[in-house]
C-alpha cells in the first residue's frame, strides 16, 4: 500500500471518539428517502439505454436503444404511489426523514417537493440525473450540481446542504467543496461516524452513507425478500449499535427507495422498525443536517475528535 496517499485504512481505529450525541443518546439514527424516480436513464430523455438497476425487474426487458415500458412503470410506481406510503409511515410516527433528491425527479413531481418541505425534511442533492457521474466531464457535472441546487431551493424553499451522487466521479467531491455552500457529502461507506478530510487546503466533512441498511438489497439479490427480512436485519444492526453505544455511540443510516419499500408487502417491515426504534430510550432520531451541525459544533476542524472514548457511558437500558 506504499504510495497510496488518498485512502485511509485506519480511521478512528480501535477507540473511536465519543460523539456526544444530544441527550446522551447511545445511537444517532437517520432515515433517508431517495427520490430518484424520473431521473433514471430513459430513452425519452435521450439516453442510449433504459434503466437496468434497482427495480423489481431484472434484467431489463428491452435491448439498448429501445424504451423499456416495464422499467418505466416500475419507477413511476415509486413516484405515484410508493412515496406517499413511505412518507405517511414517517408522518404517522412524527419522524422526519432526510431526502436524497435527484433534481430532475423533484422537478417532475413538485407535489413531493411540497410534501417534504411541509414535513421539515432536509434535502440532500442527489445529482441532477440518477446516473454514474464517472461518465460526465467536470464542466457538465458542475452544471448538474448548480441546476440541482437551484431546483431544490425553488421547490422546497431551502438549498441542499449535503450532497450524495451515489455513483460519484473523480471530480465530485472537489466540486462539492469548491461550490462552497455544502456542509458535507455522503459519498462514502467507510465508517459509522462522521469525519473530517482536507481537500484543496479546505476542511470538509464526510457523513458516511449505508448500503447494507438499505432496501436496495431487495433488488440486488442479496437475500431480502420480505418486509420481515428487512425488519430483522435493521433490528439486529440497531441492537448491536445500541449495545456498543454504552461506550462508543455511533451513527446508523437506513436508506429507502419508494419504488421498493413502498410496496404493500414490504412497508410493514419499515413500520415495525420505526416503532421498535421509537420504543427505545436514548436514541437520537435525527436528520442529516442536524448531524452535520452537531459535528461542526462539537468537533470543528480545529478541535478534531481525539481518538479514544470520551465521556464513557456505562448506563444500562
C-alpha atoms as a PDB file:
ATOM      1  CA  UNK A   1       0.000   0.000   0.000  1.00  0.00           C
ATOM      2  CA  UNK A   2       3.023   2.261  -0.161  1.00  0.00           C
ATOM      3  CA  UNK A   3       2.472   5.368  -2.224  1.00  0.00           C
ATOM      4  CA  UNK A   4      -1.296   5.361  -1.713  1.00  0.00           C
ATOM      5  CA  UNK A   5      -1.907   8.694  -0.001  1.00  0.00           C
ATOM      6  CA  UNK A   6      -5.625   9.100  -0.709  1.00  0.00           C
ATOM      7  CA  UNK A   7      -7.018   6.065   1.119  1.00  0.00           C
ATOM      8  CA  UNK A   8      -7.297   5.746   4.890  1.00  0.00           C
ATOM      9  CA  UNK A   9      -7.416   2.224   6.284  1.00  0.00           C
ATOM     10  CA  UNK A  10      -7.114   3.327   9.913  1.00  0.00           C
ATOM     11  CA  UNK A  11      -9.805   5.930  10.525  1.00  0.00           C
ATOM     12  CA  UNK A  12     -10.601   6.294  14.213  1.00  0.00           C
ATOM     13  CA  UNK A  13      -9.094   2.891  14.926  1.00  0.00           C
ATOM     14  CA  UNK A  14      -9.847   0.732  17.925  1.00  0.00           C
ATOM     15  CA  UNK A  15     -11.028   3.630  20.095  1.00  0.00           C
ATOM     16  CA  UNK A  16     -13.376   5.946  18.175  1.00  0.00           C
ATOM     17  CA  UNK A  17     -14.307   9.272  19.748  1.00  0.00           C
ATOM     18  CA  UNK A  18     -17.450   9.626  21.798  1.00  0.00           C
ATOM     19  CA  UNK A  19     -19.707  11.720  19.516  1.00  0.00           C
ATOM     20  CA  UNK A  20     -21.574  13.351  22.401  1.00  0.00           C
ATOM     21  CA  UNK A  21     -24.920  12.981  20.671  1.00  0.00           C
ATOM     22  CA  UNK A  22     -27.660  15.234  22.093  1.00  0.00           C
ATOM     23  CA  UNK A  23     -29.384  13.995  25.242  1.00  0.00           C
ATOM     24  CA  UNK A  24     -26.655  11.475  25.907  1.00  0.00           C
ATOM     25  CA  UNK A  25     -28.004   9.262  23.125  1.00  0.00           C
ATOM     26  CA  UNK A  26     -26.399   5.881  22.659  1.00  0.00           C
ATOM     27  CA  UNK A  27     -27.212   5.932  18.946  1.00  0.00           C
ATOM     28  CA  UNK A  28     -27.928   8.516  16.266  1.00  0.00           C
ATOM     29  CA  UNK A  29     -30.481   7.125  13.812  1.00  0.00           C
ATOM     30  CA  UNK A  30     -31.055   8.749  10.432  1.00  0.00           C
ATOM     31  CA  UNK A  31     -33.585   7.683   7.792  1.00  0.00           C
ATOM     32  CA  UNK A  32     -33.013   8.595   4.154  1.00  0.00           C
ATOM     33  CA  UNK A  33     -35.739   8.548   1.496  1.00  0.00           C
ATOM     34  CA  UNK A  34     -34.309   8.536  -2.028  1.00  0.00           C
ATOM     35  CA  UNK A  35     -36.355  10.459  -4.604  1.00  0.00           C
ATOM     36  CA  UNK A  36     -34.921   9.274  -7.932  1.00  0.00           C
ATOM     37  CA  UNK A  37     -37.924   8.298  -9.997  1.00  0.00           C
ATOM     38  CA  UNK A  38     -37.986  10.378 -13.157  1.00  0.00           C
ATOM     39  CA  UNK A  39     -34.237  10.975 -13.175  1.00  0.00           C
ATOM     40  CA  UNK A  40     -33.227   7.426 -14.121  1.00  0.00           C
ATOM     41  CA  UNK A  41     -31.933   6.587 -17.577  1.00  0.00           C
ATOM     42  CA  UNK A  42     -34.636   6.765 -20.229  1.00  0.00           C
ATOM     43  CA  UNK A  43     -34.730   6.685 -23.999  1.00  0.00           C
ATOM     44  CA  UNK A  44     -37.271   9.515 -23.806  1.00  0.00           C
ATOM     45  CA  UNK A  45     -34.621  11.677 -22.139  1.00  0.00           C
ATOM     46  CA  UNK A  46     -32.015  10.939 -24.781  1.00  0.00           C
ATOM     47  CA  UNK A  47     -30.165   8.123 -23.047  1.00  0.00           C
ATOM     48  CA  UNK A  48     -28.774   5.292 -25.121  1.00  0.00           C
ATOM     49  CA  UNK A  49     -30.487   2.661 -22.985  1.00  0.00           C
ATOM     50  CA  UNK A  50     -33.254   2.376 -20.437  1.00  0.00           C
ATOM     51  CA  UNK A  51     -32.520   1.961 -16.742  1.00  0.00           C
ATOM     52  CA  UNK A  52     -31.395  -1.520 -15.716  1.00  0.00           C
ATOM     53  CA  UNK A  53     -30.883  -1.457 -11.935  1.00  0.00           C
ATOM     54  CA  UNK A  54     -32.723  -1.117  -8.618  1.00  0.00           C
ATOM     55  CA  UNK A  55     -36.200  -2.147  -9.573  1.00  0.00           C
ATOM     56  CA  UNK A  56     -38.256  -5.315  -9.202  1.00  0.00           C
ATOM     57  CA  UNK A  57     -37.477  -6.185 -12.812  1.00  0.00           C
ATOM     58  CA  UNK A  58     -34.092  -7.677 -13.573  1.00  0.00           C
ATOM     59  CA  UNK A  59     -32.671  -7.890 -16.083  1.00  0.00           C
ATOM     60  CA  UNK A  60     -34.119  -5.162 -18.268  1.00  0.00           C
ATOM     61  CA  UNK A  61     -36.772  -6.292 -20.706  1.00  0.00           C
ATOM     62  CA  UNK A  62     -35.787  -4.135 -23.694  1.00  0.00           C
ATOM     63  CA  UNK A  63     -32.495  -4.068 -25.639  1.00  0.00           C
ATOM     64  CA  UNK A  64     -30.319  -0.928 -25.789  1.00  0.00           C
ATOM     65  CA  UNK A  65     -31.806   1.809 -27.934  1.00  0.00           C
ATOM     66  CA  UNK A  66     -35.412   0.910 -27.201  1.00  0.00           C
ATOM     67  CA  UNK A  67     -37.786   2.073 -24.489  1.00  0.00           C
ATOM     68  CA  UNK A  68     -38.497  -0.295 -21.632  1.00  0.00           C
ATOM     69  CA  UNK A  69     -42.119   0.392 -20.623  1.00  0.00           C
ATOM     70  CA  UNK A  70     -41.951  -2.104 -17.764  1.00  0.00           C
ATOM     71  CA  UNK A  71     -38.956  -0.438 -16.121  1.00  0.00           C
ATOM     72  CA  UNK A  72     -40.560   2.934 -16.725  1.00  0.00           C
ATOM     73  CA  UNK A  73     -43.755   1.831 -14.987  1.00  0.00           C
ATOM     74  CA  UNK A  74     -41.873   0.396 -12.004  1.00  0.00           C
ATOM     75  CA  UNK A  75     -40.117   3.706 -11.450  1.00  0.00           C
ATOM     76  CA  UNK A  76     -43.380   5.569 -11.966  1.00  0.00           C
ATOM     77  CA  UNK A  77     -44.901   3.473  -9.181  1.00  0.00           C
ATOM     78  CA  UNK A  78     -42.388   4.926  -6.745  1.00  0.00           C
ATOM     79  CA  UNK A  79     -43.367   8.468  -7.686  1.00  0.00           C
ATOM     80  CA  UNK A  80     -47.113   7.864  -7.968  1.00  0.00           C
ATOM     81  CA  UNK A  81     -47.751   5.522  -5.038  1.00  0.00           C
ATOM     82  CA  UNK A  82     -44.717   4.403  -3.081  1.00  0.00           C
ATOM     83  CA  UNK A  83     -43.501   7.826  -1.971  1.00  0.00           C
ATOM     84  CA  UNK A  84     -46.830   8.645  -0.330  1.00  0.00           C
ATOM     85  CA  UNK A  85     -46.937   5.347   1.560  1.00  0.00           C
ATOM     86  CA  UNK A  86     -43.386   5.870   2.819  1.00  0.00           C
ATOM     87  CA  UNK A  87     -43.939   9.483   3.853  1.00  0.00           C
ATOM     88  CA  UNK A  88     -47.125   8.513   5.675  1.00  0.00           C
ATOM     89  CA  UNK A  89     -45.238   5.862   7.670  1.00  0.00           C
ATOM     90  CA  UNK A  90     -42.956   8.614   8.953  1.00  0.00           C
ATOM     91  CA  UNK A  91     -45.677  11.202   9.390  1.00  0.00           C
ATOM     92  CA  UNK A  92     -47.816   8.822  11.475  1.00  0.00           C
ATOM     93  CA  UNK A  93     -44.908   8.437  13.897  1.00  0.00           C
ATOM     94  CA  UNK A  94     -43.768  12.069  13.940  1.00  0.00           C
ATOM     95  CA  UNK A  95     -40.390  11.141  12.453  1.00  0.00           C
ATOM     96  CA  UNK A  96     -38.756  13.467   9.935  1.00  0.00           C
ATOM     97  CA  UNK A  97     -36.509  11.743   7.394  1.00  0.00           C
ATOM     98  CA  UNK A  98     -33.759  13.151   5.227  1.00  0.00           C
ATOM     99  CA  UNK A  99     -34.488  13.146   1.484  1.00  0.00           C
ATOM    100  CA  UNK A 100     -31.861  12.469  -1.173  1.00  0.00           C
ATOM    101  CA  UNK A 101     -33.379  14.131  -4.228  1.00  0.00           C
ATOM    102  CA  UNK A 102     -32.258  13.941  -7.825  1.00  0.00           C
ATOM    103  CA  UNK A 103     -33.029  17.356  -9.274  1.00  0.00           C
ATOM    104  CA  UNK A 104     -34.985  16.205 -12.314  1.00  0.00           C
ATOM    105  CA  UNK A 105     -37.036  13.756 -10.234  1.00  0.00           C
ATOM    106  CA  UNK A 106     -38.117  16.530  -7.902  1.00  0.00           C
ATOM    107  CA  UNK A 107     -38.882  18.886 -10.780  1.00  0.00           C
ATOM    108  CA  UNK A 108     -41.148  16.274 -12.347  1.00  0.00           C
ATOM    109  CA  UNK A 109     -43.062  15.715  -9.116  1.00  0.00           C
ATOM    110  CA  UNK A 110     -43.449  19.093  -7.380  1.00  0.00           C
ATOM    111  CA  UNK A 111     -46.132  17.686  -5.079  1.00  0.00           C
ATOM    112  CA  UNK A 112     -43.431  15.569  -3.462  1.00  0.00           C
ATOM    113  CA  UNK A 113     -41.244  18.630  -3.039  1.00  0.00           C
ATOM    114  CA  UNK A 114     -44.132  20.419  -1.364  1.00  0.00           C
ATOM    115  CA  UNK A 115     -44.800  17.466   0.942  1.00  0.00           C
ATOM    116  CA  UNK A 116     -41.222  17.015   2.118  1.00  0.00           C
ATOM    117  CA  UNK A 117     -40.864  20.741   2.669  1.00  0.00           C
ATOM    118  CA  UNK A 118     -44.018  20.730   4.806  1.00  0.00           C
ATOM    119  CA  UNK A 119     -42.649  17.804   6.835  1.00  0.00           C
ATOM    120  CA  UNK A 120     -39.417  19.673   7.535  1.00  0.00           C
ATOM    121  CA  UNK A 121     -37.197  17.202   5.704  1.00  0.00           C
ATOM    122  CA  UNK A 122     -33.669  18.285   4.893  1.00  0.00           C
ATOM    123  CA  UNK A 123     -32.888  17.686   1.223  1.00  0.00           C
ATOM    124  CA  UNK A 124     -29.550  16.342   0.036  1.00  0.00           C
ATOM    125  CA  UNK A 125     -28.572  16.887  -3.587  1.00  0.00           C
ATOM    126  CA  UNK A 126     -28.531  13.520  -5.358  1.00  0.00           C
ATOM    127  CA  UNK A 127     -27.336  14.729  -8.745  1.00  0.00           C
ATOM    128  CA  UNK A 128     -29.484  16.207 -11.468  1.00  0.00           C
ATOM    129  CA  UNK A 129     -29.839  12.777 -13.038  1.00  0.00           C
ATOM    130  CA  UNK A 130     -29.617   9.421 -11.288  1.00  0.00           C
ATOM    131  CA  UNK A 131     -26.580   8.271 -13.263  1.00  0.00           C
ATOM    132  CA  UNK A 132     -22.963   7.239 -12.925  1.00  0.00           C
ATOM    133  CA  UNK A 133     -21.134  10.558 -12.708  1.00  0.00           C
ATOM    134  CA  UNK A 134     -17.907   8.968 -13.914  1.00  0.00           C
ATOM    135  CA  UNK A 135     -19.475   9.386 -17.345  1.00  0.00           C
ATOM    136  CA  UNK A 136     -19.569  13.186 -17.160  1.00  0.00           C
ATOM    137  CA  UNK A 137     -16.849  15.755 -17.638  1.00  0.00           C
ATOM    138  CA  UNK A 138     -16.104  18.270 -14.919  1.00  0.00           C
ATOM    139  CA  UNK A 139     -17.950  21.184 -16.513  1.00  0.00           C
ATOM    140  CA  UNK A 140     -21.093  19.172 -17.145  1.00  0.00           C
ATOM    141  CA  UNK A 141     -21.089  17.782 -13.612  1.00  0.00           C
ATOM    142  CA  UNK A 142     -20.682  21.295 -12.215  1.00  0.00           C
ATOM    143  CA  UNK A 143     -23.691  22.371 -14.297  1.00  0.00           C
ATOM    144  CA  UNK A 144     -25.721  19.437 -12.966  1.00  0.00           C
ATOM    145  CA  UNK A 145     -24.821  20.406  -9.413  1.00  0.00           C
ATOM    146  CA  UNK A 146     -25.824  24.038  -9.912  1.00  0.00           C
ATOM    147  CA  UNK A 147     -29.089  23.035 -11.573  1.00  0.00           C
ATOM    148  CA  UNK A 148     -29.930  20.664  -8.717  1.00  0.00           C
ATOM    149  CA  UNK A 149     -29.226  23.322  -6.096  1.00  0.00           C
ATOM    150  CA  UNK A 150     -31.432  25.826  -7.915  1.00  0.00           C
ATOM    151  CA  UNK A 151     -34.292  23.357  -8.366  1.00  0.00           C
ATOM    152  CA  UNK A 152     -34.298  22.092  -4.785  1.00  0.00           C
ATOM    153  CA  UNK A 153     -34.153  25.661  -3.486  1.00  0.00           C
ATOM    154  CA  UNK A 154     -37.006  26.815  -5.714  1.00  0.00           C
ATOM    155  CA  UNK A 155     -39.290  23.864  -4.950  1.00  0.00           C
ATOM    156  CA  UNK A 156     -38.670  23.441  -1.213  1.00  0.00           C
ATOM    157  CA  UNK A 157     -37.587  26.908  -0.079  1.00  0.00           C
ATOM    158  CA  UNK A 158     -34.211  25.658   1.170  1.00  0.00           C
ATOM    159  CA  UNK A 159     -30.987  24.907  -0.657  1.00  0.00           C
ATOM    160  CA  UNK A 160     -29.458  21.459  -0.188  1.00  0.00           C
ATOM    161  CA  UNK A 161     -26.665  21.464   2.401  1.00  0.00           C
ATOM    162  CA  UNK A 162     -25.460  17.940   1.685  1.00  0.00           C
ATOM    163  CA  UNK A 163     -24.510  16.066  -1.476  1.00  0.00           C
ATOM    164  CA  UNK A 164     -24.701  12.389  -2.389  1.00  0.00           C
ATOM    165  CA  UNK A 165     -24.060  11.497  -6.002  1.00  0.00           C
ATOM    166  CA  UNK A 166     -24.336   7.798  -5.236  1.00  0.00           C
ATOM    167  CA  UNK A 167     -22.065   6.996  -8.138  1.00  0.00           C
ATOM    168  CA  UNK A 168     -19.549   9.854  -7.869  1.00  0.00           C
ATOM    169  CA  UNK A 169     -16.976  10.709 -10.492  1.00  0.00           C
ATOM    170  CA  UNK A 170     -13.331  11.664  -9.922  1.00  0.00           C
ATOM    171  CA  UNK A 171     -14.276  15.345  -9.610  1.00  0.00           C
ATOM    172  CA  UNK A 172     -17.413  15.073  -7.490  1.00  0.00           C
ATOM    173  CA  UNK A 173     -16.059  15.724  -4.003  1.00  0.00           C
ATOM    174  CA  UNK A 174     -13.802  18.536  -5.177  1.00  0.00           C
ATOM    175  CA  UNK A 175     -16.754  20.202  -6.910  1.00  0.00           C
ATOM    176  CA  UNK A 176     -18.786  19.928  -3.706  1.00  0.00           C
ATOM    177  CA  UNK A 177     -16.020  21.675  -1.768  1.00  0.00           C
ATOM    178  CA  UNK A 178     -15.474  24.327  -4.434  1.00  0.00           C
ATOM    179  CA  UNK A 179     -19.191  25.131  -4.632  1.00  0.00           C
ATOM    180  CA  UNK A 180     -18.886  26.482  -1.110  1.00  0.00           C
ATOM    181  CA  UNK A 181     -22.429  26.053   0.165  1.00  0.00           C
ATOM    182  CA  UNK A 182     -22.422  22.452   1.331  1.00  0.00           C
ATOM    183  CA  UNK A 183     -21.878  21.324   4.909  1.00  0.00           C
ATOM    184  CA  UNK A 184     -20.902  17.781   3.921  1.00  0.00           C
ATOM    185  CA  UNK A 185     -21.129  14.976   1.419  1.00  0.00           C
ATOM    186  CA  UNK A 186     -22.105  11.342   1.985  1.00  0.00           C
ATOM    187  CA  UNK A 187     -20.344   9.590  -0.893  1.00  0.00           C
ATOM    188  CA  UNK A 188     -18.597   7.094   1.393  1.00  0.00           C
ATOM    189  CA  UNK A 189     -19.404   3.848   3.178  1.00  0.00           C
ATOM    190  CA  UNK A 190     -16.275   3.516   5.287  1.00  0.00           C
ATOM    191  CA  UNK A 191     -17.286   4.456   8.831  1.00  0.00           C
ATOM    192  CA  UNK A 192     -20.099   4.711  11.366  1.00  0.00           C
ATOM    193  CA  UNK A 193     -19.173   8.237  12.453  1.00  0.00           C
ATOM    194  CA  UNK A 194     -18.658  11.483  10.524  1.00  0.00           C
ATOM    195  CA  UNK A 195     -15.077  12.545   9.884  1.00  0.00           C
ATOM    196  CA  UNK A 196     -13.131  15.488   8.505  1.00  0.00           C
ATOM    197  CA  UNK A 197     -10.843  15.418   5.499  1.00  0.00           C
ATOM    198  CA  UNK A 198      -8.704  18.111   3.918  1.00  0.00           C
ATOM    199  CA  UNK A 199      -9.232  18.787   0.222  1.00  0.00           C
ATOM    200  CA  UNK A 200      -7.663  21.658  -1.668  1.00  0.00           C
ATOM    201  CA  UNK A 201      -6.454  23.133   1.601  1.00  0.00           C
ATOM    202  CA  UNK A 202     -10.017  23.215   2.996  1.00  0.00           C
ATOM    203  CA  UNK A 203     -11.597  21.105   5.727  1.00  0.00           C
ATOM    204  CA  UNK A 204     -14.557  19.070   4.532  1.00  0.00           C
ATOM    205  CA  UNK A 205     -16.989  16.875   6.473  1.00  0.00           C
ATOM    206  CA  UNK A 206     -17.982  13.397   5.316  1.00  0.00           C
ATOM    207  CA  UNK A 207     -21.040  11.690   6.817  1.00  0.00           C
ATOM    208  CA  UNK A 208     -20.871   8.102   5.546  1.00  0.00           C
ATOM    209  CA  UNK A 209     -23.930   6.514   3.972  1.00  0.00           C
ATOM    210  CA  UNK A 210     -25.017   2.850   4.131  1.00  0.00           C
ATOM    211  CA  UNK A 211     -25.585   0.161   1.528  1.00  0.00           C
ATOM    212  CA  UNK A 212     -26.294  -2.718   3.917  1.00  0.00           C
ATOM    213  CA  UNK A 213     -29.075  -0.953   5.869  1.00  0.00           C
ATOM    214  CA  UNK A 214     -30.633  -0.235   2.523  1.00  0.00           C
ATOM    215  CA  UNK A 215     -33.800  -1.515   0.858  1.00  0.00           C
ATOM    216  CA  UNK A 216     -31.923  -1.605  -2.460  1.00  0.00           C
ATOM    217  CA  UNK A 217     -30.935  -5.095  -1.344  1.00  0.00           C
ATOM    218  CA  UNK A 218     -34.437  -6.188  -2.356  1.00  0.00           C
ATOM    219  CA  UNK A 219     -33.350  -5.502  -5.942  1.00  0.00           C
ATOM    220  CA  UNK A 220     -29.725  -6.618  -5.685  1.00  0.00           C
ATOM    221  CA  UNK A 221     -30.329 -10.304  -4.982  1.00  0.00           C
ATOM    222  CA  UNK A 222     -28.819 -10.109  -1.502  1.00  0.00           C
ATOM    223  CA  UNK A 223     -31.289 -12.190   0.468  1.00  0.00           C
ATOM    224  CA  UNK A 224     -34.020  -9.684   1.256  1.00  0.00           C
ATOM    225  CA  UNK A 225     -37.363 -10.985   0.034  1.00  0.00           C
ATOM    226  CA  UNK A 226     -39.884  -9.995   2.700  1.00  0.00           C
ATOM    227  CA  UNK A 227     -40.559  -6.918   4.764  1.00  0.00           C
ATOM    228  CA  UNK A 228     -39.883  -9.145   7.777  1.00  0.00           C
ATOM    229  CA  UNK A 229     -36.362  -9.807   6.490  1.00  0.00           C
ATOM    230  CA  UNK A 230     -35.702  -6.072   6.304  1.00  0.00           C
ATOM    231  CA  UNK A 231     -37.050  -5.526   9.821  1.00  0.00           C
ATOM    232  CA  UNK A 232     -34.945  -8.362  11.225  1.00  0.00           C
ATOM    233  CA  UNK A 233     -31.748  -7.058   9.650  1.00  0.00           C
ATOM    234  CA  UNK A 234     -32.389  -3.479  10.796  1.00  0.00           C
ATOM    235  CA  UNK A 235     -33.232  -4.670  14.322  1.00  0.00           C
ATOM    236  CA  UNK A 236     -30.058  -6.752  14.565  1.00  0.00           C
ATOM    237  CA  UNK A 237     -27.959  -3.769  13.453  1.00  0.00           C
ATOM    238  CA  UNK A 238     -29.776  -1.459  15.863  1.00  0.00           C
ATOM    239  CA  UNK A 239     -29.336  -3.851  18.798  1.00  0.00           C
ATOM    240  CA  UNK A 240     -25.619  -4.234  18.111  1.00  0.00           C
ATOM    241  CA  UNK A 241     -25.014  -0.497  17.821  1.00  0.00           C
ATOM    242  CA  UNK A 242     -27.216   0.262  20.818  1.00  0.00           C
ATOM    243  CA  UNK A 243     -25.269  -2.180  22.996  1.00  0.00           C
ATOM    244  CA  UNK A 244     -21.946  -0.772  21.805  1.00  0.00           C
ATOM    245  CA  UNK A 245     -23.326   2.706  22.412  1.00  0.00           C
ATOM    246  CA  UNK A 246     -22.925   2.270  26.155  1.00  0.00           C
ATOM    247  CA  UNK A 247     -19.270   3.093  25.466  1.00  0.00           C
ATOM    248  CA  UNK A 248     -18.936   4.150  21.833  1.00  0.00           C
ATOM    249  CA  UNK A 249     -22.114   5.667  20.334  1.00  0.00           C
ATOM    250  CA  UNK A 250     -22.287   5.653  16.550  1.00  0.00           C
ATOM    251  CA  UNK A 251     -24.494   6.592  13.610  1.00  0.00           C
ATOM    252  CA  UNK A 252     -26.984   4.274  11.912  1.00  0.00           C
ATOM    253  CA  UNK A 253     -28.302   5.285   8.482  1.00  0.00           C
ATOM    254  CA  UNK A 254     -31.302   3.492   6.958  1.00  0.00           C
ATOM    255  CA  UNK A 255     -31.776   4.141   3.242  1.00  0.00           C
ATOM    256  CA  UNK A 256     -35.131   3.713   1.480  1.00  0.00           C
ATOM    257  CA  UNK A 257     -36.498   3.833  -2.073  1.00  0.00           C
ATOM    258  CA  UNK A 258     -40.229   4.421  -2.638  1.00  0.00           C
ATOM    259  CA  UNK A 259     -40.380   2.028  -5.596  1.00  0.00           C
ATOM    260  CA  UNK A 260     -39.024  -0.747  -3.348  1.00  0.00           C
ATOM    261  CA  UNK A 261     -40.010  -0.349   0.322  1.00  0.00           C
ATOM    262  CA  UNK A 262     -43.185   1.468  -0.755  1.00  0.00           C
ATOM    263  CA  UNK A 263     -44.766  -1.804  -1.857  1.00  0.00           C
ATOM    264  CA  UNK A 264     -47.606  -3.035   0.384  1.00  0.00           C
ATOM    265  CA  UNK A 265     -45.812  -6.318   1.045  1.00  0.00           C
ATOM    266  CA  UNK A 266     -42.692  -4.556   2.349  1.00  0.00           C
ATOM    267  CA  UNK A 267     -43.815  -1.396   4.118  1.00  0.00           C
ATOM    268  CA  UNK A 268     -44.739  -3.325   7.274  1.00  0.00           C
ATOM    269  CA  UNK A 269     -41.059  -4.131   7.769  1.00  0.00           C
ATOM    270  CA  UNK A 270     -40.205  -0.446   7.858  1.00  0.00           C
ATOM    271  CA  UNK A 271     -43.195   0.388  10.083  1.00  0.00           C
ATOM    272  CA  UNK A 272     -42.202  -2.293  12.605  1.00  0.00           C
ATOM    273  CA  UNK A 273     -38.682  -0.952  12.781  1.00  0.00           C
ATOM    274  CA  UNK A 274     -39.838   2.641  13.207  1.00  0.00           C
ATOM    275  CA  UNK A 275     -41.979   1.544  16.138  1.00  0.00           C
ATOM    276  CA  UNK A 276     -39.160  -0.514  17.599  1.00  0.00           C
ATOM    277  CA  UNK A 277     -36.640   2.327  17.393  1.00  0.00           C
ATOM    278  CA  UNK A 278     -39.097   4.789  18.940  1.00  0.00           C
ATOM    279  CA  UNK A 279     -39.671   2.414  21.862  1.00  0.00           C
ATOM    280  CA  UNK A 280     -36.041   2.571  22.997  1.00  0.00           C
ATOM    281  CA  UNK A 281     -34.684   5.288  25.256  1.00  0.00           C
ATOM    282  CA  UNK A 282     -31.706   7.480  24.426  1.00  0.00           C
ATOM    283  CA  UNK A 283     -31.910   7.205  20.651  1.00  0.00           C
ATOM    284  CA  UNK A 284     -31.439  10.421  18.694  1.00  0.00           C
ATOM    285  CA  UNK A 285     -33.636  10.072  15.600  1.00  0.00           C
ATOM    286  CA  UNK A 286     -32.304  12.911  13.511  1.00  0.00           C
ATOM    287  CA  UNK A 287     -31.941  14.469  10.105  1.00  0.00           C
ATOM    288  CA  UNK A 288     -28.624  14.523   8.306  1.00  0.00           C
ATOM    289  CA  UNK A 289     -28.331  18.289   8.535  1.00  0.00           C
ATOM    290  CA  UNK A 290     -28.593  18.004  12.323  1.00  0.00           C
ATOM    291  CA  UNK A 291     -25.743  15.501  12.344  1.00  0.00           C
ATOM    292  CA  UNK A 292     -23.562  17.838  10.302  1.00  0.00           C
ATOM    293  CA  UNK A 293     -24.250  20.829  12.504  1.00  0.00           C
ATOM    294  CA  UNK A 294     -23.677  18.798  15.653  1.00  0.00           C
ATOM    295  CA  UNK A 295     -20.320  17.581  14.356  1.00  0.00           C
ATOM    296  CA  UNK A 296     -19.295  21.066  13.340  1.00  0.00           C
ATOM    297  CA  UNK A 297     -20.145  22.372  16.799  1.00  0.00           C
ATOM    298  CA  UNK A 298     -18.602  19.560  18.826  1.00  0.00           C
ATOM    299  CA  UNK A 299     -15.682  18.666  16.577  1.00  0.00           C
ATOM    300  CA  UNK A 300     -14.802  21.577  14.340  1.00  0.00           C
ATOM    301  CA  UNK A 301     -11.658  21.001  12.247  1.00  0.00           C
ATOM    302  CA  UNK A 302      -9.603  22.967  14.763  1.00  0.00           C
ATOM    303  CA  UNK A 303     -10.959  20.775  17.555  1.00  0.00           C
ATOM    304  CA  UNK A 304     -10.894  17.396  15.854  1.00  0.00           C
ATOM    305  CA  UNK A 305     -12.148  14.484  17.967  1.00  0.00           C
ATOM    306  CA  UNK A 306      -9.463  12.788  19.985  1.00  0.00           C
ATOM    307  CA  UNK A 307      -9.192   9.055  19.412  1.00  0.00           C
ATOM    308  CA  UNK A 308     -10.489   7.270  22.452  1.00  0.00           C
ATOM    309  CA  UNK A 309     -13.771   7.087  24.292  1.00  0.00           C
ATOM    310  CA  UNK A 310     -14.597  10.410  25.840  1.00  0.00           C
ATOM    311  CA  UNK A 311     -17.403  10.715  28.384  1.00  0.00           C
ATOM    312  CA  UNK A 312     -17.919   6.964  28.591  1.00  0.00           C
ATOM    313  CA  UNK A 313     -21.472   5.994  29.472  1.00  0.00           C
ATOM    314  CA  UNK A 314     -21.933   2.666  31.148  1.00  0.00           C
ATOM    315  CA  UNK A 315     -25.644   3.157  31.817  1.00  0.00           C
ATOM    316  CA  UNK A 316     -27.775   0.134  31.007  1.00  0.00           C
ATOM    317  CA  UNK A 317     -31.086   0.341  29.184  1.00  0.00           C
END
